[in-house]
Amino acid sequence: MHSEPLTPWIETAPFEVRYAETDAMGVVYYANYLVWFEAARGTFCRAYEIDYVALEKNGTPAAVVEAYCRYRAPARYGDRIITRVRLTELKGSTMRFEYEVLNADTRQLLAEGWTRHVWINREGKPTRCPEEIRRRVFPEDNTPTPQS
């Protein structure tokens, strides 16, 4: 599942699983992992000083078009969690992030996955990744060439 990374892992601050995030079996409900992936993308944007709200206002948001998550071990109420994110693809109008959800105390891998995004214009049509993103993620303009 792992693609060649374009960026190093960025970690969220540890957070505690809330009771509302668990199901009747006391395990984190599966859809919450996608919420944690989104939170990790926010951490990624802050780490690279990307103002995602400004991108949306300028008419170039990135829409999630695919999401995948493989569950390895259960997370439960009260567990401390870290989500890691890295960019593994940035080409044309698409980008792909990879994630790992870990127990913050034991570093056990709980889940891993990825999301693919397409940059879109105001009409909802695919458009190229904004140059601002490339400059912030690759400031020396040495953008790695991803494998096709």
N, C-alpha and C. Protein backbone atom coordinates (compact mmCIF):
# COMPACT_ATOMS: atom_id res chain seq x y z
N MET A 1 0.81 -1.19 0.00
CA MET A 1 0.00 0.00 0.00
C MET A 1 0.85 1.25 0.00
N HIS A 2 2.03 1.21 0.53
CA HIS A 2 2.84 2.41 0.67
C HIS A 2 3.40 2.87 -0.66
N SER A 3 3.20 4.14 -0.96
CA SER A 3 3.78 4.76 -2.13
C SER A 3 5.07 5.45 -1.70
N GLU A 4 5.87 5.80 -2.67
CA GLU A 4 7.09 6.54 -2.37
C GLU A 4 6.70 7.94 -1.88
N PRO A 5 7.13 8.33 -0.69
CA PRO A 5 6.71 9.62 -0.15
C PRO A 5 7.38 10.80 -0.83
N LEU A 6 6.65 11.89 -0.95
CA LEU A 6 7.20 13.16 -1.41
C LEU A 6 7.58 14.04 -0.24
N THR A 7 6.94 13.79 0.91
CA THR A 7 7.22 14.57 2.12
C THR A 7 7.41 13.60 3.29
N PRO A 8 8.04 14.07 4.35
CA PRO A 8 8.15 13.23 5.55
C PRO A 8 6.80 13.17 6.27
N TRP A 9 6.70 12.20 7.21
CA TRP A 9 5.50 12.11 8.04
C TRP A 9 5.35 13.38 8.87
N ILE A 10 4.12 13.85 8.99
CA ILE A 10 3.72 14.93 9.89
C ILE A 10 2.74 14.29 10.87
N GLU A 11 2.91 14.53 12.17
CA GLU A 11 2.03 13.92 13.18
C GLU A 11 1.11 14.93 13.82
N THR A 12 -0.11 14.50 14.08
CA THR A 12 -1.02 15.31 14.88
C THR A 12 -0.55 15.25 16.33
N ALA A 13 -1.00 16.18 17.13
CA ALA A 13 -0.79 16.08 18.57
C ALA A 13 -1.61 14.89 19.07
N PRO A 14 -1.16 14.22 20.11
CA PRO A 14 -1.97 13.11 20.66
C PRO A 14 -3.34 13.62 21.11
N PHE A 15 -4.35 12.82 20.87
CA PHE A 15 -5.70 13.15 21.33
C PHE A 15 -6.33 11.89 21.89
N GLU A 16 -7.33 12.08 22.75
CA GLU A 16 -7.97 10.97 23.41
C GLU A 16 -9.27 10.60 22.70
N VAL A 17 -9.49 9.30 22.50
CA VAL A 17 -10.73 8.82 21.89
C VAL A 17 -11.89 9.18 22.82
N ARG A 18 -12.89 9.82 22.26
CA ARG A 18 -14.08 10.19 23.02
C ARG A 18 -15.12 9.06 22.96
N TYR A 19 -15.93 8.97 23.98
CA TYR A 19 -16.95 7.93 24.05
C TYR A 19 -17.86 7.99 22.81
N ALA A 20 -18.20 9.20 22.36
CA ALA A 20 -19.09 9.38 21.21
C ALA A 20 -18.48 8.81 19.92
N GLU A 21 -17.18 8.56 19.90
CA GLU A 21 -16.52 8.01 18.71
C GLU A 21 -16.55 6.48 18.67
N THR A 22 -17.11 5.86 19.69
CA THR A 22 -17.13 4.40 19.76
C THR A 22 -18.51 3.85 19.40
N ASP A 23 -18.52 2.57 19.03
CA ASP A 23 -19.77 1.91 18.67
C ASP A 23 -20.25 1.06 19.86
N ALA A 24 -21.27 0.26 19.64
CA ALA A 24 -21.85 -0.57 20.70
C ALA A 24 -20.86 -1.61 21.24
N MET A 25 -19.83 -1.92 20.48
CA MET A 25 -18.82 -2.89 20.92
C MET A 25 -17.67 -2.22 21.68
N GLY A 26 -17.76 -0.89 21.84
CA GLY A 26 -16.72 -0.17 22.56
C GLY A 26 -15.48 0.13 21.72
N VAL A 27 -15.59 -0.06 20.42
CA VAL A 27 -14.49 0.16 19.49
C VAL A 27 -14.78 1.43 18.69
N VAL A 28 -13.75 2.15 18.32
CA VAL A 28 -13.96 3.35 17.51
C VAL A 28 -14.71 2.98 16.24
N TYR A 29 -15.79 3.69 15.97
CA TYR A 29 -16.61 3.49 14.78
C TYR A 29 -15.77 3.78 13.55
N TYR A 30 -15.85 2.93 12.55
CA TYR A 30 -14.94 2.96 11.41
C TYR A 30 -14.86 4.30 10.68
N ALA A 31 -15.97 5.02 10.56
CA ALA A 31 -15.96 6.28 9.82
C ALA A 31 -15.15 7.37 10.51
N ASN A 32 -14.92 7.24 11.81
CA ASN A 32 -14.14 8.25 12.53
C ASN A 32 -12.70 8.30 12.06
N TYR A 33 -12.19 7.22 11.51
CA TYR A 33 -10.82 7.23 11.02
C TYR A 33 -10.67 8.21 9.85
N LEU A 34 -11.71 8.33 9.02
CA LEU A 34 -11.67 9.30 7.93
C LEU A 34 -11.69 10.73 8.47
N VAL A 35 -12.40 10.95 9.57
CA VAL A 35 -12.39 12.26 10.23
C VAL A 35 -10.98 12.55 10.75
N TRP A 36 -10.33 11.54 11.31
CA TRP A 36 -8.96 11.72 11.81
C TRP A 36 -8.00 11.97 10.65
N PHE A 37 -8.24 11.34 9.49
CA PHE A 37 -7.42 11.62 8.31
C PHE A 37 -7.54 13.09 7.94
N GLU A 38 -8.77 13.61 7.96
CA GLU A 38 -8.99 15.02 7.63
C GLU A 38 -8.27 15.93 8.62
N ALA A 39 -8.33 15.61 9.88
CA ALA A 39 -7.63 16.41 10.89
C ALA A 39 -6.12 16.40 10.62
N ALA A 40 -5.60 15.26 10.21
CA ALA A 40 -4.17 15.16 9.89
C ALA A 40 -3.82 16.03 8.68
N ARG A 41 -4.72 16.10 7.69
CA ARG A 41 -4.47 16.99 6.54
C ARG A 41 -4.42 18.43 6.99
N GLY A 42 -5.24 18.80 7.96
CA GLY A 42 -5.17 20.15 8.52
C GLY A 42 -3.82 20.40 9.17
N THR A 43 -3.31 19.42 9.89
CA THR A 43 -1.99 19.52 10.51
C THR A 43 -0.92 19.67 9.42
N PHE A 44 -1.06 18.90 8.34
CA PHE A 44 -0.13 19.00 7.21
C PHE A 44 -0.14 20.42 6.64
N CYS A 45 -1.32 20.97 6.41
CA CYS A 45 -1.43 22.32 5.85
C CYS A 45 -0.78 23.35 6.77
N ARG A 46 -1.01 23.23 8.06
CA ARG A 46 -0.39 24.17 9.00
C ARG A 46 1.13 24.03 8.99
N ALA A 47 1.63 22.80 8.91
CA ALA A 47 3.07 22.57 8.90
C ALA A 47 3.74 23.22 7.69
N TYR A 48 3.03 23.26 6.56
CA TYR A 48 3.57 23.85 5.34
C TYR A 48 3.03 25.26 5.07
N GLU A 49 2.36 25.82 6.08
CA GLU A 49 1.80 27.18 6.00
C GLU A 49 0.90 27.36 4.78
N ILE A 50 0.05 26.37 4.56
CA ILE A 50 -0.92 26.41 3.47
C ILE A 50 -2.25 26.86 4.06
N ASP A 51 -2.78 27.96 3.54
CA ASP A 51 -4.06 28.50 4.00
C ASP A 51 -5.17 27.90 3.14
N TYR A 52 -5.70 26.77 3.59
CA TYR A 52 -6.68 26.06 2.78
C TYR A 52 -7.98 26.87 2.63
N VAL A 53 -8.35 27.62 3.65
CA VAL A 53 -9.56 28.44 3.56
C VAL A 53 -9.39 29.48 2.45
N ALA A 54 -8.21 30.07 2.34
CA ALA A 54 -7.96 31.04 1.27
C ALA A 54 -8.03 30.38 -0.10
N LEU A 55 -7.52 29.15 -0.20
CA LEU A 55 -7.60 28.43 -1.48
C LEU A 55 -9.06 28.22 -1.88
N GLU A 56 -9.89 27.85 -0.92
CA GLU A 56 -11.31 27.66 -1.21
C GLU A 56 -11.95 28.97 -1.66
N LYS A 57 -11.63 30.07 -0.95
CA LYS A 57 -12.19 31.38 -1.31
C LYS A 57 -11.74 31.81 -2.70
N ASN A 58 -10.51 31.45 -3.08
CA ASN A 58 -9.98 31.79 -4.41
C ASN A 58 -10.52 30.88 -5.50
N GLY A 59 -11.29 29.88 -5.12
CA GLY A 59 -11.93 29.02 -6.10
C GLY A 59 -11.12 27.81 -6.53
N THR A 60 -10.17 27.35 -5.70
CA THR A 60 -9.39 26.18 -6.06
C THR A 60 -9.30 25.19 -4.91
N PRO A 61 -10.45 24.66 -4.46
CA PRO A 61 -10.38 23.63 -3.41
C PRO A 61 -9.96 22.29 -3.99
N ALA A 62 -9.64 21.37 -3.12
CA ALA A 62 -9.30 20.01 -3.53
C ALA A 62 -10.38 19.07 -3.00
N ALA A 63 -11.05 18.39 -3.89
CA ALA A 63 -12.13 17.48 -3.52
C ALA A 63 -11.58 16.07 -3.32
N VAL A 64 -12.05 15.40 -2.27
CA VAL A 64 -11.68 13.99 -2.06
C VAL A 64 -12.47 13.16 -3.08
N VAL A 65 -11.75 12.37 -3.87
CA VAL A 65 -12.41 11.53 -4.88
C VAL A 65 -12.27 10.04 -4.58
N GLU A 66 -11.33 9.67 -3.71
CA GLU A 66 -11.17 8.29 -3.28
C GLU A 66 -10.67 8.28 -1.85
N ALA A 67 -11.09 7.28 -1.08
CA ALA A 67 -10.59 7.11 0.28
C ALA A 67 -10.51 5.61 0.57
N TYR A 68 -9.45 5.24 1.28
CA TYR A 68 -9.24 3.84 1.64
C TYR A 68 -8.72 3.79 3.07
N CYS A 69 -9.20 2.82 3.84
CA CYS A 69 -8.69 2.63 5.19
C CYS A 69 -8.67 1.14 5.50
N ARG A 70 -7.53 0.67 5.99
CA ARG A 70 -7.40 -0.72 6.45
C ARG A 70 -7.22 -0.68 7.95
N TYR A 71 -8.06 -1.42 8.64
CA TYR A 71 -8.06 -1.44 10.10
C TYR A 71 -7.19 -2.59 10.59
N ARG A 72 -6.22 -2.27 11.43
CA ARG A 72 -5.26 -3.27 11.90
C ARG A 72 -5.53 -3.74 13.33
N ALA A 73 -5.94 -2.83 14.20
CA ALA A 73 -6.22 -3.15 15.61
C ALA A 73 -7.23 -2.12 16.12
N PRO A 74 -8.05 -2.50 17.08
CA PRO A 74 -9.08 -1.57 17.54
C PRO A 74 -8.53 -0.44 18.42
N ALA A 75 -9.13 0.72 18.26
CA ALA A 75 -8.93 1.83 19.19
C ALA A 75 -10.19 1.89 20.04
N ARG A 76 -10.02 2.21 21.31
CA ARG A 76 -11.14 2.20 22.25
C ARG A 76 -11.21 3.50 23.03
N TYR A 77 -12.35 3.71 23.66
CA TYR A 77 -12.57 4.90 24.48
C TYR A 77 -11.39 5.10 25.44
N GLY A 78 -10.88 6.33 25.47
CA GLY A 78 -9.79 6.68 26.38
C GLY A 78 -8.40 6.45 25.81
N ASP A 79 -8.27 5.68 24.73
CA ASP A 79 -6.94 5.50 24.12
C ASP A 79 -6.43 6.85 23.63
N ARG A 80 -5.13 7.03 23.72
CA ARG A 80 -4.49 8.23 23.15
C ARG A 80 -4.00 7.87 21.75
N ILE A 81 -4.35 8.73 20.80
CA ILE A 81 -4.13 8.45 19.38
C ILE A 81 -3.28 9.54 18.74
N ILE A 82 -2.49 9.13 17.75
CA ILE A 82 -1.75 10.05 16.87
C ILE A 82 -2.09 9.63 15.44
N THR A 83 -2.31 10.60 14.58
CA THR A 83 -2.47 10.31 13.16
C THR A 83 -1.30 10.94 12.42
N ARG A 84 -0.68 10.15 11.55
CA ARG A 84 0.45 10.62 10.74
C ARG A 84 -0.01 10.76 9.30
N VAL A 85 0.54 11.77 8.61
CA VAL A 85 0.17 12.02 7.21
C VAL A 85 1.42 12.40 6.43
N ARG A 86 1.44 11.98 5.16
CA ARG A 86 2.50 12.43 4.25
C ARG A 86 1.92 12.47 2.84
N LEU A 87 2.50 13.32 2.03
CA LEU A 87 2.09 13.45 0.64
C LEU A 87 2.85 12.42 -0.18
N THR A 88 2.13 11.64 -0.99
CA THR A 88 2.79 10.62 -1.81
C THR A 88 2.59 10.84 -3.30
N GLU A 89 1.77 11.82 -3.67
CA GLU A 89 1.59 12.11 -5.10
C GLU A 89 1.15 13.56 -5.25
N LEU A 90 1.73 14.25 -6.19
CA LEU A 90 1.34 15.61 -6.55
C LEU A 90 1.67 15.78 -8.02
N LYS A 91 0.64 15.60 -8.85
CA LYS A 91 0.87 15.73 -10.29
C LYS A 91 -0.41 16.21 -10.96
N GLY A 92 -0.25 17.07 -11.94
CA GLY A 92 -1.41 17.59 -12.65
C GLY A 92 -2.45 18.16 -11.71
N SER A 93 -3.63 17.56 -11.74
CA SER A 93 -4.72 18.04 -10.89
C SER A 93 -4.94 17.17 -9.67
N THR A 94 -4.08 16.15 -9.46
CA THR A 94 -4.32 15.23 -8.35
C THR A 94 -3.21 15.24 -7.31
N MET A 95 -3.59 14.84 -6.12
CA MET A 95 -2.63 14.61 -5.05
C MET A 95 -3.15 13.46 -4.21
N ARG A 96 -2.23 12.79 -3.54
CA ARG A 96 -2.58 11.64 -2.72
C ARG A 96 -1.85 11.75 -1.39
N PHE A 97 -2.60 11.57 -0.30
CA PHE A 97 -2.03 11.54 1.04
C PHE A 97 -2.11 10.13 1.57
N GLU A 98 -1.13 9.75 2.36
CA GLU A 98 -1.10 8.46 3.04
C GLU A 98 -1.16 8.74 4.55
N TYR A 99 -1.81 7.83 5.29
CA TYR A 99 -2.03 8.03 6.72
C TYR A 99 -1.69 6.78 7.52
N GLU A 100 -1.31 7.00 8.76
CA GLU A 100 -1.22 5.94 9.76
C GLU A 100 -1.85 6.46 11.04
N VAL A 101 -2.67 5.63 11.65
CA VAL A 101 -3.27 5.94 12.95
C VAL A 101 -2.57 5.03 13.95
N LEU A 102 -1.97 5.65 14.97
CA LEU A 102 -1.17 4.91 15.95
C LEU A 102 -1.69 5.14 17.36
N ASN A 103 -1.51 4.14 18.21
CA ASN A 103 -1.70 4.34 19.64
C ASN A 103 -0.54 5.21 20.10
N ALA A 104 -0.82 6.36 20.70
CA ALA A 104 0.23 7.32 21.06
C ALA A 104 1.18 6.77 22.12
N ASP A 105 0.71 5.86 22.95
CA ASP A 105 1.55 5.35 24.03
C ASP A 105 2.39 4.15 23.62
N THR A 106 1.81 3.25 22.82
CA THR A 106 2.53 2.03 22.44
C THR A 106 3.11 2.11 21.03
N ARG A 107 2.66 3.08 20.23
CA ARG A 107 3.02 3.24 18.81
C ARG A 107 2.50 2.08 17.95
N GLN A 108 1.55 1.31 18.48
CA GLN A 108 0.95 0.23 17.69
C GLN A 108 0.16 0.84 16.53
N LEU A 109 0.33 0.25 15.33
CA LEU A 109 -0.41 0.68 14.16
C LEU A 109 -1.85 0.19 14.28
N LEU A 110 -2.79 1.12 14.29
CA LEU A 110 -4.20 0.78 14.42
C LEU A 110 -4.92 0.76 13.08
N ALA A 111 -4.50 1.66 12.19
CA ALA A 111 -5.12 1.73 10.86
C ALA A 111 -4.17 2.46 9.93
N GLU A 112 -4.34 2.18 8.65
CA GLU A 112 -3.56 2.90 7.64
C GLU A 112 -4.45 3.10 6.43
N GLY A 113 -4.17 4.14 5.67
CA GLY A 113 -5.00 4.40 4.52
C GLY A 113 -4.48 5.52 3.66
N TRP A 114 -5.32 5.93 2.73
CA TRP A 114 -4.95 7.02 1.84
C TRP A 114 -6.19 7.72 1.33
N THR A 115 -5.99 8.94 0.86
CA THR A 115 -7.04 9.68 0.17
C THR A 115 -6.44 10.29 -1.09
N ARG A 116 -7.24 10.33 -2.15
CA ARG A 116 -6.84 10.99 -3.39
C ARG A 116 -7.75 12.20 -3.56
N HIS A 117 -7.15 13.30 -3.98
CA HIS A 117 -7.85 14.57 -4.12
C HIS A 117 -7.65 15.10 -5.53
N VAL A 118 -8.65 15.84 -6.02
CA VAL A 118 -8.55 16.51 -7.31
C VAL A 118 -8.79 17.99 -7.06
N TRP A 119 -7.86 18.80 -7.55
CA TRP A 119 -8.04 20.25 -7.49
C TRP A 119 -9.13 20.63 -8.49
N ILE A 120 -10.07 21.45 -8.06
CA ILE A 120 -11.16 21.85 -8.94
C ILE A 120 -11.29 23.36 -8.96
N ASN A 121 -11.88 23.87 -10.07
CA ASN A 121 -12.13 25.31 -10.18
C ASN A 121 -13.54 25.61 -9.69
N ARG A 122 -13.96 26.85 -9.84
CA ARG A 122 -15.28 27.27 -9.35
C ARG A 122 -16.44 26.51 -10.02
N GLU A 123 -16.20 26.02 -11.21
CA GLU A 123 -17.22 25.26 -11.92
C GLU A 123 -17.20 23.77 -11.58
N GLY A 124 -16.27 23.37 -10.69
CA GLY A 124 -16.19 21.97 -10.29
C GLY A 124 -15.41 21.10 -11.27
N LYS A 125 -14.68 21.72 -12.18
CA LYS A 125 -13.88 20.99 -13.17
C LYS A 125 -12.45 20.86 -12.67
N PRO A 126 -11.79 19.75 -12.98
CA PRO A 126 -10.39 19.58 -12.57
C PRO A 126 -9.50 20.70 -13.10
N THR A 127 -8.56 21.11 -12.26
CA THR A 127 -7.60 22.15 -12.64
C THR A 127 -6.25 21.77 -12.05
N ARG A 128 -5.21 22.40 -12.51
CA ARG A 128 -3.87 22.09 -12.00
C ARG A 128 -3.72 22.52 -10.55
N CYS A 129 -2.86 21.83 -9.84
CA CYS A 129 -2.53 22.18 -8.46
C CYS A 129 -2.02 23.62 -8.44
N PRO A 130 -2.52 24.45 -7.52
CA PRO A 130 -2.02 25.82 -7.43
C PRO A 130 -0.51 25.86 -7.20
N GLU A 131 0.16 26.76 -7.90
CA GLU A 131 1.62 26.89 -7.76
C GLU A 131 2.02 27.21 -6.32
N GLU A 132 1.16 27.93 -5.61
CA GLU A 132 1.45 28.26 -4.21
C GLU A 132 1.68 26.99 -3.39
N ILE A 133 0.90 25.97 -3.66
CA ILE A 133 1.04 24.71 -2.93
C ILE A 133 2.41 24.10 -3.24
N ARG A 134 2.74 24.03 -4.51
CA ARG A 134 4.04 23.47 -4.90
C ARG A 134 5.19 24.24 -4.26
N ARG A 135 5.10 25.56 -4.25
CA ARG A 135 6.18 26.39 -3.66
C ARG A 135 6.31 26.17 -2.16
N ARG A 136 5.19 25.99 -1.49
CA ARG A 136 5.25 25.79 -0.04
C ARG A 136 5.76 24.41 0.34
N VAL A 137 5.33 23.39 -0.40
CA VAL A 137 5.74 22.02 -0.10
C VAL A 137 7.16 21.77 -0.58
N PHE A 138 7.52 22.36 -1.71
CA PHE A 138 8.86 22.18 -2.30
C PHE A 138 9.49 23.56 -2.53
N PRO A 139 9.93 24.24 -1.46
CA PRO A 139 10.38 25.63 -1.57
C PRO A 139 11.59 25.83 -2.48
N GLU A 140 12.40 24.83 -2.67
CA GLU A 140 13.57 24.99 -3.52
C GLU A 140 13.25 24.65 -4.96
N ASP A 141 11.96 24.41 -5.24
CA ASP A 141 11.50 24.08 -6.59
C ASP A 141 12.15 22.81 -7.14
N ASN A 142 12.52 21.93 -6.24
CA ASN A 142 13.05 20.63 -6.63
C ASN A 142 11.98 19.56 -6.46
N THR A 143 10.82 19.80 -7.05
CA THR A 143 9.72 18.88 -6.91
C THR A 143 10.12 17.49 -7.38
N PRO A 144 10.04 16.48 -6.51
CA PRO A 144 10.34 15.13 -6.96
C PRO A 144 9.37 14.73 -8.07
N THR A 145 9.85 13.94 -8.99
CA THR A 145 9.00 13.43 -10.06
C THR A 145 8.38 12.12 -9.59
N PRO A 146 7.05 12.14 -9.32
CA PRO A 146 6.40 10.92 -8.85
C PRO A 146 6.37 9.86 -9.95
N GLN A 147 6.33 8.62 -9.51
CA GLN A 147 6.20 7.51 -10.46
C GLN A 147 4.79 7.53 -11.02
N SER A 148 4.66 7.30 -12.28
CA SER A 148 3.32 7.30 -12.93
C SER A 148 2.64 5.97 -12.76
